[in-house]
N, C-alpha and C. Protein backbone atom coordinates (compact mmCIF):
# COMPACT_ATOMS: atom_id res chain seq x y z
N MET A 1 265.60 10.84 103.93
CA MET A 1 266.98 11.04 102.89
C MET A 1 266.55 13.02 103.70
N ASP A 2 265.43 13.60 104.42
CA ASP A 2 265.13 14.78 104.86
C ASP A 2 266.25 14.68 105.94
N PHE A 3 265.87 13.67 106.73
CA PHE A 3 267.04 14.07 107.98
C PHE A 3 267.97 13.96 108.05
N GLN A 4 267.97 13.33 106.78
CA GLN A 4 270.52 13.35 106.26
C GLN A 4 270.51 14.57 106.31
N HIS A 5 269.74 15.35 105.03
CA HIS A 5 269.98 16.47 105.20
C HIS A 5 270.37 17.44 106.30
N LEU A 6 269.09 17.57 106.26
CA LEU A 6 269.48 18.26 108.46
C LEU A 6 270.27 17.63 109.02
N TRP A 7 270.81 16.96 109.46
CA TRP A 7 271.79 16.19 109.99
C TRP A 7 272.75 16.66 109.33
N ALA A 8 273.46 16.86 108.42
CA ALA A 8 274.79 17.35 107.31
C ALA A 8 274.70 18.71 107.42
N ALA A 9 273.00 19.56 107.79
CA ALA A 9 273.56 21.35 107.61
C ALA A 9 274.26 21.29 109.30
N PHE A 10 273.43 21.00 110.18
CA PHE A 10 273.71 20.85 111.80
C PHE A 10 274.78 20.25 112.44
N GLU A 11 274.81 18.77 112.50
CA GLU A 11 275.89 18.28 112.71
C GLU A 11 276.86 17.81 112.08
N GLY A 12 276.59 17.40 111.04
CA GLY A 12 277.32 16.85 109.72
C GLY A 12 278.88 17.97 109.25
N ARG A 13 278.74 18.75 108.82
CA ARG A 13 279.04 19.81 108.84
C ARG A 13 278.88 20.66 109.47
N SER A 14 278.05 20.75 110.29
CA SER A 14 278.41 22.43 111.20
C SER A 14 278.55 23.78 111.78
N ALA A 15 277.26 24.00 110.57
CA ALA A 15 277.53 25.88 110.32
C ALA A 15 277.58 26.13 112.02
N LYS A 16 278.90 27.21 111.03
CA LYS A 16 279.12 28.43 111.38
C LYS A 16 279.00 29.53 111.76
N GLU A 17 279.87 30.20 113.07
CA GLU A 17 278.97 31.10 113.69
C GLU A 17 278.49 32.06 112.70
N ASN A 18 278.74 32.83 111.54
CA ASN A 18 278.55 33.55 110.69
C ASN A 18 277.21 32.99 109.90
N GLU A 19 276.93 31.52 109.59
CA GLU A 19 276.25 31.52 108.39
C GLU A 19 275.22 31.38 108.96
N GLY A 20 273.58 30.53 108.80
CA GLY A 20 272.55 30.51 108.79
C GLY A 20 272.08 29.56 107.74
N VAL A 21 270.59 28.82 108.31
CA VAL A 21 270.24 27.84 107.60
C VAL A 21 269.13 27.71 107.23
N ILE A 22 269.36 27.66 106.03
CA ILE A 22 267.16 28.42 105.17
C ILE A 22 266.88 26.65 104.88
N ILE A 23 265.49 26.43 105.59
CA ILE A 23 264.79 25.10 105.18
C ILE A 23 264.00 25.92 104.39
N PHE A 24 263.23 25.11 103.58
CA PHE A 24 262.00 25.51 102.88
C PHE A 24 261.74 24.02 102.48
N TYR A 25 260.12 24.19 102.66
CA TYR A 25 259.21 22.98 102.52
C TYR A 25 258.96 22.63 101.34
N SER A 26 258.47 21.71 100.11
CA SER A 26 258.07 21.59 98.83
C SER A 26 257.24 20.52 98.24
N LYS A 27 256.29 20.36 97.45
CA LYS A 27 255.73 19.61 97.00
C LYS A 27 256.02 19.92 95.78
N LYS A 28 256.29 20.82 95.25
CA LYS A 28 256.31 21.19 94.02
C LYS A 28 257.69 20.90 92.66
N HIS A 29 258.26 20.48 93.13
CA HIS A 29 259.74 20.21 92.87
C HIS A 29 259.54 18.55 92.74
N LEU A 30 258.41 17.29 92.73
CA LEU A 30 258.77 16.27 92.78
C LEU A 30 258.07 16.55 90.98
N LYS A 31 258.90 15.43 90.39
CA LYS A 31 258.43 14.87 89.03
C LYS A 31 257.03 14.54 88.48
N SER A 32 256.14 14.53 87.50
CA SER A 32 255.18 13.68 87.27
C SER A 32 255.08 12.34 88.20
N TYR A 33 255.91 11.64 88.12
CA TYR A 33 256.48 10.36 88.44
C TYR A 33 256.04 9.63 89.93
N ALA A 34 256.78 10.99 90.73
CA ALA A 34 256.80 10.53 92.18
C ALA A 34 255.28 11.53 92.37
N LYS A 35 254.94 12.55 91.98
CA LYS A 35 253.65 12.87 92.45
C LYS A 35 252.56 11.53 93.31
N PHE A 36 252.50 10.84 92.46
CA PHE A 36 251.54 9.78 92.90
C PHE A 36 252.12 8.71 94.20
N PHE A 37 253.44 8.76 94.68
CA PHE A 37 254.19 8.66 95.97
C PHE A 37 254.51 10.01 97.40
N SER A 38 253.93 10.81 97.08
CA SER A 38 254.08 12.17 97.02
C SER A 38 254.48 12.25 98.89
N ALA A 39 252.79 11.29 99.90
CA ALA A 39 253.38 11.62 100.42
C ALA A 39 254.47 10.79 101.86
N PHE A 40 255.45 10.35 100.91
CA PHE A 40 256.30 8.95 101.67
C PHE A 40 257.83 10.04 100.65
N MET A 41 257.75 11.18 99.92
CA MET A 41 258.73 11.36 99.23
C MET A 41 260.00 12.47 100.68
N PRO A 42 260.81 13.03 100.06
CA PRO A 42 261.40 14.12 100.88
C PRO A 42 260.99 14.98 100.35
N ARG A 43 261.05 16.35 101.48
CA ARG A 43 260.49 17.46 100.32
C ARG A 43 261.49 19.04 101.09
N LEU A 44 262.32 18.46 102.10
CA LEU A 44 263.13 19.52 102.41
C LEU A 44 264.36 19.89 101.79
N TRP A 45 264.16 21.36 101.16
CA TRP A 45 265.45 21.93 100.86
C TRP A 45 266.09 23.22 102.05
N VAL A 46 267.56 22.26 102.35
CA VAL A 46 268.03 22.44 102.96
C VAL A 46 269.17 23.48 102.44
N MET A 47 269.76 24.79 103.19
CA MET A 47 270.98 25.14 102.80
C MET A 47 271.67 25.95 103.60
N VAL A 48 272.85 25.69 103.75
CA VAL A 48 273.91 26.98 104.70
C VAL A 48 274.15 27.53 103.94
N CYS A 49 273.70 28.97 104.41
CA CYS A 49 274.19 30.46 103.57
C CYS A 49 275.21 31.41 104.01
N PRO A 50 275.51 32.62 104.60
CA PRO A 50 275.95 33.50 105.14
C PRO A 50 274.23 34.13 105.80
N LYS A 51 275.49 34.81 107.15
CA LYS A 51 274.04 35.13 108.06
C LYS A 51 272.95 36.27 107.06
N SER A 52 273.64 37.10 106.59
CA SER A 52 272.62 37.98 106.18
C SER A 52 271.95 37.37 105.21
N ALA A 53 272.05 35.93 104.71
CA ALA A 53 271.37 35.82 102.91
C ALA A 53 269.53 35.72 103.07
N PHE A 54 269.82 35.90 104.15
CA PHE A 54 267.80 35.47 104.36
C PHE A 54 267.38 36.78 103.70
N GLU A 55 268.10 37.71 104.52
CA GLU A 55 267.75 39.39 104.51
C GLU A 55 267.33 39.76 103.38
N LEU A 56 268.79 39.41 102.67
CA LEU A 56 269.19 39.62 101.69
C LEU A 56 268.06 39.38 100.38
N MET A 57 267.74 37.88 100.13
CA MET A 57 266.64 37.33 99.03
C MET A 57 265.09 37.35 99.32
N THR A 58 264.83 37.84 100.57
CA THR A 58 263.71 37.94 101.07
C THR A 58 263.51 39.81 101.07
N ASN A 59 264.21 41.02 101.54
CA ASN A 59 264.14 41.73 101.03
C ASN A 59 264.46 42.83 99.89
N PRO A 60 264.06 43.41 98.73
CA PRO A 60 264.75 43.90 98.09
C PRO A 60 265.40 45.48 98.56
N GLU A 61 264.88 45.76 99.90
CA GLU A 61 265.44 47.21 99.86
C GLU A 61 266.59 47.19 100.93
N SER A 62 267.21 45.55 101.69
CA SER A 62 268.07 45.45 102.50
C SER A 62 269.55 45.68 101.22
N ARG A 63 270.23 46.63 101.90
CA ARG A 63 271.67 46.53 102.09
C ARG A 63 271.29 46.86 100.10
N PRO A 64 270.83 48.30 99.88
CA PRO A 64 271.09 48.57 98.95
C PRO A 64 272.46 48.69 97.97
N GLU A 65 273.40 48.91 98.42
CA GLU A 65 274.64 49.39 98.28
C GLU A 65 274.87 47.91 97.37
N LEU A 66 274.77 46.82 97.97
CA LEU A 66 274.52 45.56 96.69
C LEU A 66 274.41 45.41 95.70
N GLN A 67 274.71 44.96 94.52
CA GLN A 67 273.69 44.71 93.02
C GLN A 67 275.01 44.69 92.62
N GLY A 68 273.90 43.78 91.60
CA GLY A 68 274.57 42.47 90.32
C GLY A 68 275.33 41.42 91.29
N GLU A 69 275.93 41.16 90.25
CA GLU A 69 276.93 39.73 90.71
C GLU A 69 277.22 40.10 92.38
N VAL A 70 277.82 41.02 93.25
CA VAL A 70 278.24 41.10 94.29
C VAL A 70 277.05 40.98 95.09
N ARG A 71 275.81 40.90 95.39
CA ARG A 71 274.38 40.48 95.69
C ARG A 71 274.61 39.10 95.53
N PHE A 72 274.88 38.65 93.86
CA PHE A 72 274.06 37.54 94.09
C PHE A 72 275.29 36.17 95.31
N LEU A 73 276.50 36.93 94.99
CA LEU A 73 277.71 36.58 95.79
C LEU A 73 276.92 36.09 97.48
N ALA A 74 276.40 37.57 97.68
CA ALA A 74 276.78 37.33 99.05
C ALA A 74 275.07 37.00 100.00
N GLU A 75 274.07 36.39 99.23
CA GLU A 75 272.86 35.56 99.09
C GLU A 75 272.77 33.98 98.73
N ARG A 76 274.20 33.77 97.82
CA ARG A 76 274.13 32.34 97.25
C ARG A 76 274.49 31.49 98.14
N PRO A 77 273.83 30.17 98.62
CA PRO A 77 273.95 29.38 99.61
C PRO A 77 275.62 28.65 99.82
N ILE A 78 276.00 28.48 100.34
CA ILE A 78 277.94 27.43 100.72
C ILE A 78 277.72 26.30 100.37
N VAL A 79 276.22 25.44 100.55
CA VAL A 79 276.09 24.55 100.57
C VAL A 79 274.63 24.39 100.40
N GLU A 80 273.51 23.57 99.60
CA GLU A 80 272.88 23.41 99.01
C GLU A 80 272.33 21.89 99.05
N LEU A 81 271.28 21.46 99.61
CA LEU A 81 271.25 20.11 100.11
C LEU A 81 269.64 20.15 99.66
N LYS A 82 269.46 19.12 98.46
CA LYS A 82 267.85 19.04 98.13
C LYS A 82 267.64 18.05 97.44
N PRO A 83 266.45 17.29 97.66
CA PRO A 83 266.24 15.99 97.12
C PRO A 83 266.34 16.06 95.55
N LYS A 84 266.86 14.70 95.07
CA LYS A 84 266.64 14.59 93.28
C LYS A 84 265.61 13.68 92.88
N LEU A 85 265.30 14.63 92.70
CA LEU A 85 263.85 13.08 92.08
C LEU A 85 263.24 14.17 90.97
């Protein structure tokens, strides 16, 4: 499933020039019954976002003129692919 999500982000959809791909690796999203099989479970959360979204998410001082809903829409993922567990 991780490979399918990466393939969809980079090749299937092919991220455009003004977009970036953000990838998170997580074990914490697994539900209690899936934690037993965690070594075999998908863990990548892939998001295709606007180019400046990562900086907006990680640096609260970046572009202070964007606030509220406008900032939310600027950092919101265009496509979000995460394991359904």
